[in-house]
Amino acid sequence: MNTAVTSLPISLAAPAGASTGAGLRRQFSRAGAAIWRALEVIGRGRAHRSLLDLADQYEALQPALAKELRAASLQGPMA
């Protein structure tokens, strides 16, 4: 009986599944960040419109408040 022995190269690299998992994690992280930014943009737009609508409602009774609401609608997010 003849038995051939072949040595296999030993690699110290991570298994294929590990690198694929890390890649998927990065992709999901980027997708999540993009979705979050889109939701923030949508929220800012809704807040802007709401402040302007509220300013229109208060214009007759409290013009100073209406002016402040309009100014606030133009400002960026609060820190």
PDB file of N, CA and C in Angstrom:
ATOM      1  N   MET A   1       0.844  -1.159   0.000  1.00  0.00           N
ATOM      2  CA  MET A   1       0.000   0.000   0.000  1.00  0.00           C
ATOM      3  C   MET A   1       0.899   1.235   0.000  1.00  0.00           C
ATOM      4  N   ASN A   2       0.633   2.127  -0.899  1.00  0.00           N
ATOM      5  CA  ASN A   2       1.367   3.373  -0.996  1.00  0.00           C
ATOM      6  C   ASN A   2       0.538   4.495  -0.392  1.00  0.00           C
ATOM      7  N   THR A   3       1.125   5.271   0.486  1.00  0.00           N
ATOM      8  CA  THR A   3       0.439   6.415   1.085  1.00  0.00           C
ATOM      9  C   THR A   3       1.250   7.660   0.787  1.00  0.00           C
ATOM     10  N   ALA A   4       0.621   8.584   0.092  1.00  0.00           N
ATOM     11  CA  ALA A   4       1.302   9.834  -0.211  1.00  0.00           C
ATOM     12  C   ALA A   4       0.968  10.846   0.881  1.00  0.00           C
ATOM     13  N   VAL A   5       1.979  11.512   1.352  1.00  0.00           N
ATOM     14  CA  VAL A   5       1.782  12.520   2.386  1.00  0.00           C
ATOM     15  C   VAL A   5       2.083  13.875   1.767  1.00  0.00           C
ATOM     16  N   THR A   6       1.126  14.762   1.839  1.00  0.00           N
ATOM     17  CA  THR A   6       1.306  16.111   1.319  1.00  0.00           C
ATOM     18  C   THR A   6       1.139  17.093   2.475  1.00  0.00           C
ATOM     19  N   SER A   7       2.117  17.975   2.619  1.00  0.00           N
ATOM     20  CA  SER A   7       1.981  18.956   3.691  1.00  0.00           C
ATOM     21  C   SER A   7       1.179  20.140   3.164  1.00  0.00           C
ATOM     22  N   LEU A   8       0.291  20.596   3.990  1.00  0.00           N
ATOM     23  CA  LEU A   8      -0.549  21.733   3.643  1.00  0.00           C
ATOM     24  C   LEU A   8       0.064  22.994   4.224  1.00  0.00           C
ATOM     25  N   PRO A   9       0.010  24.092   3.479  1.00  0.00           N
ATOM     26  CA  PRO A   9       0.544  25.333   4.036  1.00  0.00           C
ATOM     27  C   PRO A   9      -0.302  25.802   5.216  1.00  0.00           C
ATOM     28  N   ILE A  10       0.348  26.237   6.241  1.00  0.00           N
ATOM     29  CA  ILE A  10      -0.358  26.720   7.431  1.00  0.00           C
ATOM     30  C   ILE A  10      -0.459  28.236   7.335  1.00  0.00           C
ATOM     31  N   SER A  11      -1.653  28.713   7.457  1.00  0.00           N
ATOM     32  CA  SER A  11      -1.881  30.152   7.368  1.00  0.00           C
ATOM     33  C   SER A  11      -2.266  30.683   8.743  1.00  0.00           C
ATOM     34  N   LEU A  12      -1.730  31.819   9.092  1.00  0.00           N
ATOM     35  CA  LEU A  12      -2.066  32.448  10.362  1.00  0.00           C
ATOM     36  C   LEU A  12      -3.196  33.449  10.199  1.00  0.00           C
ATOM     37  N   ALA A  13      -3.742  33.541   8.994  1.00  0.00           N
ATOM     38  CA  ALA A  13      -4.837  34.492   8.750  1.00  0.00           C
ATOM     39  C   ALA A  13      -6.097  33.999   9.440  1.00  0.00           C
ATOM     40  N   ALA A  14      -6.997  34.932   9.701  1.00  0.00           N
ATOM     41  CA  ALA A  14      -8.266  34.592  10.337  1.00  0.00           C
ATOM     42  C   ALA A  14      -9.101  33.749   9.384  1.00  0.00           C
ATOM     43  N   PRO A  15      -9.940  32.902   9.906  1.00  0.00           N
ATOM     44  CA  PRO A  15     -10.821  32.109   9.058  1.00  0.00           C
ATOM     45  C   PRO A  15     -11.707  33.009   8.195  1.00  0.00           C
ATOM     46  N   ALA A  16     -12.133  32.475   7.065  1.00  0.00           N
ATOM     47  CA  ALA A  16     -12.928  33.267   6.117  1.00  0.00           C
ATOM     48  C   ALA A  16     -14.200  33.808   6.766  1.00  0.00           C
ATOM     49  N   GLY A  17     -14.821  33.027   7.610  1.00  0.00           N
ATOM     50  CA  GLY A  17     -16.054  33.471   8.256  1.00  0.00           C
ATOM     51  C   GLY A  17     -15.842  34.686   9.148  1.00  0.00           C
ATOM     52  N   ALA A  18     -14.675  34.763   9.783  1.00  0.00           N
ATOM     53  CA  ALA A  18     -14.405  35.892  10.672  1.00  0.00           C
ATOM     54  C   ALA A  18     -14.268  37.186   9.876  1.00  0.00           C
ATOM     55  N   SER A  19     -13.558  37.122   8.744  1.00  0.00           N
ATOM     56  CA  SER A  19     -13.394  38.354   7.965  1.00  0.00           C
ATOM     57  C   SER A  19     -14.714  38.766   7.330  1.00  0.00           C
ATOM     58  N   THR A  20     -15.516  37.800   6.928  1.00  0.00           N
ATOM     59  CA  THR A  20     -16.824  38.122   6.363  1.00  0.00           C
ATOM     60  C   THR A  20     -17.717  38.747   7.434  1.00  0.00           C
ATOM     61  N   GLY A  21     -17.658  38.227   8.634  1.00  0.00           N
ATOM     62  CA  GLY A  21     -18.446  38.787   9.727  1.00  0.00           C
ATOM     63  C   GLY A  21     -18.037  40.213  10.042  1.00  0.00           C
ATOM     64  N   ALA A  22     -16.736  40.480  10.044  1.00  0.00           N
ATOM     65  CA  ALA A  22     -16.258  41.835  10.314  1.00  0.00           C
ATOM     66  C   ALA A  22     -16.687  42.773   9.192  1.00  0.00           C
ATOM     67  N   GLY A  23     -16.635  42.292   7.967  1.00  0.00           N
ATOM     68  CA  GLY A  23     -17.069  43.114   6.836  1.00  0.00           C
ATOM     69  C   GLY A  23     -18.548  43.441   6.910  1.00  0.00           C
ATOM     70  N   LEU A  24     -19.338  42.452   7.269  1.00  0.00           N
ATOM     71  CA  LEU A  24     -20.776  42.686   7.418  1.00  0.00           C
ATOM     72  C   LEU A  24     -21.059  43.671   8.544  1.00  0.00           C
ATOM     73  N   ARG A  25     -20.309  43.539   9.617  1.00  0.00           N
ATOM     74  CA  ARG A  25     -20.483  44.448  10.747  1.00  0.00           C
ATOM     75  C   ARG A  25     -20.209  45.889  10.317  1.00  0.00           C
ATOM     76  N   ARG A  26     -19.125  46.087   9.537  1.00  0.00           N
ATOM     77  CA  ARG A  26     -18.817  47.439   9.050  1.00  0.00           C
ATOM     78  C   ARG A  26     -19.915  47.952   8.131  1.00  0.00           C
ATOM     79  N   GLN A  27     -20.410  47.084   7.243  1.00  0.00           N
ATOM     80  CA  GLN A  27     -21.473  47.503   6.328  1.00  0.00           C
ATOM     81  C   GLN A  27     -22.741  47.882   7.085  1.00  0.00           C
ATOM     82  N   PHE A  28     -23.117  47.071   8.068  1.00  0.00           N
ATOM     83  CA  PHE A  28     -24.306  47.392   8.866  1.00  0.00           C
ATOM     84  C   PHE A  28     -24.094  48.672   9.671  1.00  0.00           C
ATOM     85  N   SER A  29     -22.891  48.886  10.159  1.00  0.00           N
ATOM     86  CA  SER A  29     -22.593  50.097  10.914  1.00  0.00           C
ATOM     87  C   SER A  29     -22.733  51.324  10.019  1.00  0.00           C
ATOM     88  N   ARG A  30     -22.189  51.245   8.810  1.00  0.00           N
ATOM     89  CA  ARG A  30     -22.310  52.371   7.866  1.00  0.00           C
ATOM     90  C   ARG A  30     -23.758  52.603   7.475  1.00  0.00           C
ATOM     91  N   ALA A  31     -24.485  51.517   7.219  1.00  0.00           N
ATOM     92  CA  ALA A  31     -25.902  51.653   6.848  1.00  0.00           C
ATOM     93  C   ALA A  31     -26.693  52.274   7.994  1.00  0.00           C
ATOM     94  N   GLY A  32     -26.423  51.843   9.211  1.00  0.00           N
ATOM     95  CA  GLY A  32     -27.113  52.393  10.373  1.00  0.00           C
ATOM     96  C   GLY A  32     -26.825  53.880  10.541  1.00  0.00           C
ATOM     97  N   ALA A  33     -25.571  54.270  10.328  1.00  0.00           N
ATOM     98  CA  ALA A  33     -25.206  55.685  10.443  1.00  0.00           C
ATOM     99  C   ALA A  33     -25.905  56.514   9.363  1.00  0.00           C
ATOM    100  N   ALA A  34     -25.984  55.981   8.156  1.00  0.00           N
ATOM    101  CA  ALA A  34     -26.657  56.703   7.068  1.00  0.00           C
ATOM    102  C   ALA A  34     -28.151  56.850   7.355  1.00  0.00           C
ATOM    103  N   ILE A  35     -28.759  55.801   7.873  1.00  0.00           N
ATOM    104  CA  ILE A  35     -30.188  55.859   8.214  1.00  0.00           C
ATOM    105  C   ILE A  35     -30.414  56.885   9.324  1.00  0.00           C
ATOM    106  N   TRP A  36     -29.533  56.888  10.316  1.00  0.00           N
ATOM    107  CA  TRP A  36     -29.672  57.835  11.428  1.00  0.00           C
ATOM    108  C   TRP A  36     -29.575  59.267  10.932  1.00  0.00           C
ATOM    109  N   ARG A  37     -28.593  59.532  10.033  1.00  0.00           N
ATOM    110  CA  ARG A  37     -28.461  60.892   9.479  1.00  0.00           C
ATOM    111  C   ARG A  37     -29.716  61.287   8.712  1.00  0.00           C
ATOM    112  N   ALA A  38     -30.280  60.367   7.952  1.00  0.00           N
ATOM    113  CA  ALA A  38     -31.501  60.668   7.196  1.00  0.00           C
ATOM    114  C   ALA A  38     -32.660  60.979   8.146  1.00  0.00           C
ATOM    115  N   LEU A  39     -32.774  60.226   9.227  1.00  0.00           N
ATOM    116  CA  LEU A  39     -33.833  60.489  10.202  1.00  0.00           C
ATOM    117  C   LEU A  39     -33.646  61.854  10.874  1.00  0.00           C
ATOM    118  N   GLU A  40     -32.393  62.221  11.136  1.00  0.00           N
ATOM    119  CA  GLU A  40     -32.138  63.540  11.726  1.00  0.00           C
ATOM    120  C   GLU A  40     -32.551  64.655  10.769  1.00  0.00           C
ATOM    121  N   VAL A  41     -32.263  64.486   9.491  1.00  0.00           N
ATOM    122  CA  VAL A  41     -32.644  65.498   8.495  1.00  0.00           C
ATOM    123  C   VAL A  41     -34.165  65.620   8.435  1.00  0.00           C
ATOM    124  N   ILE A  42     -34.839  64.496   8.426  1.00  0.00           N
ATOM    125  CA  ILE A  42     -36.307  64.503   8.393  1.00  0.00           C
ATOM    126  C   ILE A  42     -36.855  65.186   9.645  1.00  0.00           C
ATOM    127  N   GLY A  43     -36.278  64.872  10.799  1.00  0.00           N
ATOM    128  CA  GLY A  43     -36.724  65.465  12.064  1.00  0.00           C
ATOM    129  C   GLY A  43     -36.519  66.966  12.102  1.00  0.00           C
ATOM    130  N   ARG A  44     -35.366  67.430  11.592  1.00  0.00           N
ATOM    131  CA  ARG A  44     -35.122  68.878  11.563  1.00  0.00           C
ATOM    132  C   ARG A  44     -36.141  69.584  10.669  1.00  0.00           C
ATOM    133  N   GLY A  45     -36.457  68.968   9.538  1.00  0.00           N
ATOM    134  CA  GLY A  45     -37.456  69.563   8.639  1.00  0.00           C
ATOM    135  C   GLY A  45     -38.824  69.651   9.286  1.00  0.00           C
ATOM    136  N   ARG A  46     -39.202  68.585   9.983  1.00  0.00           N
ATOM    137  CA  ARG A  46     -40.508  68.590  10.668  1.00  0.00           C
ATOM    138  C   ARG A  46     -40.535  69.618  11.791  1.00  0.00           C
ATOM    139  N   ALA A  47     -39.440  69.721  12.538  1.00  0.00           N
ATOM    140  CA  ALA A  47     -39.383  70.697  13.634  1.00  0.00           C
ATOM    141  C   ALA A  47     -39.469  72.117  13.073  1.00  0.00           C
ATOM    142  N   HIS A  48     -38.791  72.373  11.972  1.00  0.00           N
ATOM    143  CA  HIS A  48     -38.819  73.697  11.350  1.00  0.00           C
ATOM    144  C   HIS A  48     -40.249  74.078  10.959  1.00  0.00           C
ATOM    145  N   ARG A  49     -40.926  73.155  10.279  1.00  0.00           N
ATOM    146  CA  ARG A  49     -42.314  73.418   9.866  1.00  0.00           C
ATOM    147  C   ARG A  49     -43.230  73.602  11.072  1.00  0.00           C
ATOM    148  N   SER A  50     -43.036  72.798  12.095  1.00  0.00           N
ATOM    149  CA  SER A  50     -43.884  72.906  13.295  1.00  0.00           C
ATOM    150  C   SER A  50     -43.700  74.246  13.996  1.00  0.00           C
ATOM    151  N   LEU A  51     -42.456  74.700  14.085  1.00  0.00           N
ATOM    152  CA  LEU A  51     -42.203  75.990  14.727  1.00  0.00           C
ATOM    153  C   LEU A  51     -42.826  77.129  13.921  1.00  0.00           C
ATOM    154  N   LEU A  52     -42.750  77.045  12.602  1.00  0.00           N
ATOM    155  CA  LEU A  52     -43.360  78.087  11.776  1.00  0.00           C
ATOM    156  C   LEU A  52     -44.887  78.065  11.895  1.00  0.00           C
ATOM    157  N   ASP A  53     -45.466  76.878  11.935  1.00  0.00           N
ATOM    158  CA  ASP A  53     -46.925  76.776  12.117  1.00  0.00           C
ATOM    159  C   ASP A  53     -47.346  77.362  13.468  1.00  0.00           C
ATOM    160  N   LEU A  54     -46.592  77.042  14.505  1.00  0.00           N
ATOM    161  CA  LEU A  54     -46.887  77.556  15.835  1.00  0.00           C
ATOM    162  C   LEU A  54     -46.742  79.082  15.870  1.00  0.00           C
ATOM    163  N   ALA A  55     -45.723  79.598  15.185  1.00  0.00           N
ATOM    164  CA  ALA A  55     -45.537  81.050  15.120  1.00  0.00           C
ATOM    165  C   ALA A  55     -46.730  81.719  14.439  1.00  0.00           C
ATOM    166  N   ASP A  56     -47.243  81.077  13.380  1.00  0.00           N
ATOM    167  CA  ASP A  56     -48.423  81.629  12.705  1.00  0.00           C
ATOM    168  C   ASP A  56     -49.629  81.669  13.641  1.00  0.00           C
ATOM    169  N   GLN A  57     -49.771  80.643  14.488  1.00  0.00           N
ATOM    170  CA  GLN A  57     -50.901  80.587  15.414  1.00  0.00           C
ATOM    171  C   GLN A  57     -50.815  81.685  16.477  1.00  0.00           C
ATOM    172  N   TYR A  58     -49.601  81.991  16.931  1.00  0.00           N
ATOM    173  CA  TYR A  58     -49.420  82.965  18.014  1.00  0.00           C
ATOM    174  C   TYR A  58     -49.222  84.399  17.523  1.00  0.00           C
ATOM    175  N   GLU A  59     -49.146  84.602  16.215  1.00  0.00           N
ATOM    176  CA  GLU A  59     -48.841  85.926  15.667  1.00  0.00           C
ATOM    177  C   GLU A  59     -49.792  87.005  16.182  1.00  0.00           C
ATOM    178  N   ALA A  60     -51.081  86.740  16.203  1.00  0.00           N
ATOM    179  CA  ALA A  60     -52.058  87.760  16.593  1.00  0.00           C
ATOM    180  C   ALA A  60     -52.032  88.053  18.089  1.00  0.00           C
ATOM    181  N   LEU A  61     -51.889  87.009  18.926  1.00  0.00           N
ATOM    182  CA  LEU A  61     -51.968  87.195  20.375  1.00  0.00           C
ATOM    183  C   LEU A  61     -50.635  87.550  21.014  1.00  0.00           C
ATOM    184  N   GLN A  62     -49.545  86.921  20.534  1.00  0.00           N
ATOM    185  CA  GLN A  62     -48.227  87.149  21.134  1.00  0.00           C
ATOM    186  C   GLN A  62     -47.174  87.291  20.029  1.00  0.00           C
ATOM    187  N   PRO A  63     -47.098  88.462  19.434  1.00  0.00           N
ATOM    188  CA  PRO A  63     -46.156  88.645  18.322  1.00  0.00           C
ATOM    189  C   PRO A  63     -44.690  88.447  18.716  1.00  0.00           C
ATOM    190  N   ALA A  64     -44.331  88.760  19.944  1.00  0.00           N
ATOM    191  CA  ALA A  64     -42.944  88.561  20.375  1.00  0.00           C
ATOM    192  C   ALA A  64     -42.588  87.075  20.402  1.00  0.00           C
ATOM    193  N   LEU A  65     -43.521  86.277  20.900  1.00  0.00           N
ATOM    194  CA  LEU A  65     -43.303  84.831  20.920  1.00  0.00           C
ATOM    195  C   LEU A  65     -43.226  84.286  19.494  1.00  0.00           C
ATOM    196  N   ALA A  66     -44.089  84.761  18.620  1.00  0.00           N
ATOM    197  CA  ALA A  66     -44.067  84.319  17.225  1.00  0.00           C
ATOM    198  C   ALA A  66     -42.723  84.640  16.578  1.00  0.00           C
ATOM    199  N   LYS A  67     -42.187  85.821  16.891  1.00  0.00           N
ATOM    200  CA  LYS A  67     -40.884  86.211  16.347  1.00  0.00           C
ATOM    201  C   LYS A  67     -39.781  85.279  16.841  1.00  0.00           C
ATOM    202  N   GLU A  68     -39.828  84.944  18.134  1.00  0.00           N
ATOM    203  CA  GLU A  68     -38.829  84.022  18.700  1.00  0.00           C
ATOM    204  C   GLU A  68     -38.947  82.626  18.095  1.00  0.00           C
ATOM    205  N   LEU A  69     -40.171  82.168  17.872  1.00  0.00           N
ATOM    206  CA  LEU A  69     -40.364  80.857  17.260  1.00  0.00           C
ATOM    207  C   LEU A  69     -39.801  80.818  15.843  1.00  0.00           C
ATOM    208  N   ARG A  70     -40.015  81.892  15.097  1.00  0.00           N
ATOM    209  CA  ARG A  70     -39.459  81.948  13.736  1.00  0.00           C
ATOM    210  C   ARG A  70     -37.931  81.953  13.764  1.00  0.00           C
ATOM    211  N   ALA A  71     -37.363  82.695  14.703  1.00  0.00           N
ATOM    212  CA  ALA A  71     -35.910  82.720  14.833  1.00  0.00           C
ATOM    213  C   ALA A  71     -35.387  81.337  15.231  1.00  0.00           C
ATOM    214  N   ALA A  72     -36.081  80.681  16.133  1.00  0.00           N
ATOM    215  CA  ALA A  72     -35.666  79.345  16.572  1.00  0.00           C
ATOM    216  C   ALA A  72     -35.743  78.335  15.441  1.00  0.00           C
ATOM    217  N   SER A  73     -36.674  78.521  14.523  1.00  0.00           N
ATOM    218  CA  SER A  73     -36.811  77.577  13.414  1.00  0.00           C
ATOM    219  C   SER A  73     -35.633  77.658  12.464  1.00  0.00           C
ATOM    220  N   LEU A  74     -34.919  78.769  12.483  1.00  0.00           N
ATOM    221  CA  LEU A  74     -33.766  78.951  11.597  1.00  0.00           C
ATOM    222  C   LEU A  74     -32.456  78.479  12.225  1.00  0.00           C
ATOM    223  N   GLN A  75     -32.459  78.283  13.545  1.00  0.00           N
ATOM    224  CA  GLN A  75     -31.242  77.859  14.237  1.00  0.00           C
ATOM    225  C   GLN A  75     -31.018  76.372  14.022  1.00  0.00           C
ATOM    226  N   GLY A  76     -29.771  75.966  14.235  1.00  0.00           N
ATOM    227  CA  GLY A  76     -29.426  74.557  14.155  1.00  0.00           C
ATOM    228  C   GLY A  76     -29.843  73.823  15.405  1.00  0.00           C
ATOM    229  N   PRO A  77     -29.465  72.554  15.505  1.00  0.00           N
ATOM    230  CA  PRO A  77     -29.835  71.778  16.694  1.00  0.00           C
ATOM    231  C   PRO A  77     -29.192  72.331  17.954  1.00  0.00           C
ATOM    232  N   MET A  78     -29.885  72.151  19.052  1.00  0.00           N
ATOM    233  CA  MET A  78     -29.364  72.611  20.333  1.00  0.00           C
ATOM    234  C   MET A  78     -28.250  71.682  20.801  1.00  0.00           C
ATOM    235  N   ALA A  79     -27.253  72.255  21.421  1.00  0.00           N
ATOM    236  CA  ALA A  79     -26.117  71.440  21.902  1.00  0.00           C
ATOM    237  C   ALA A  79     -26.364  70.959  23.304  1.00  0.00           C
TER     238      ALA A  79
END
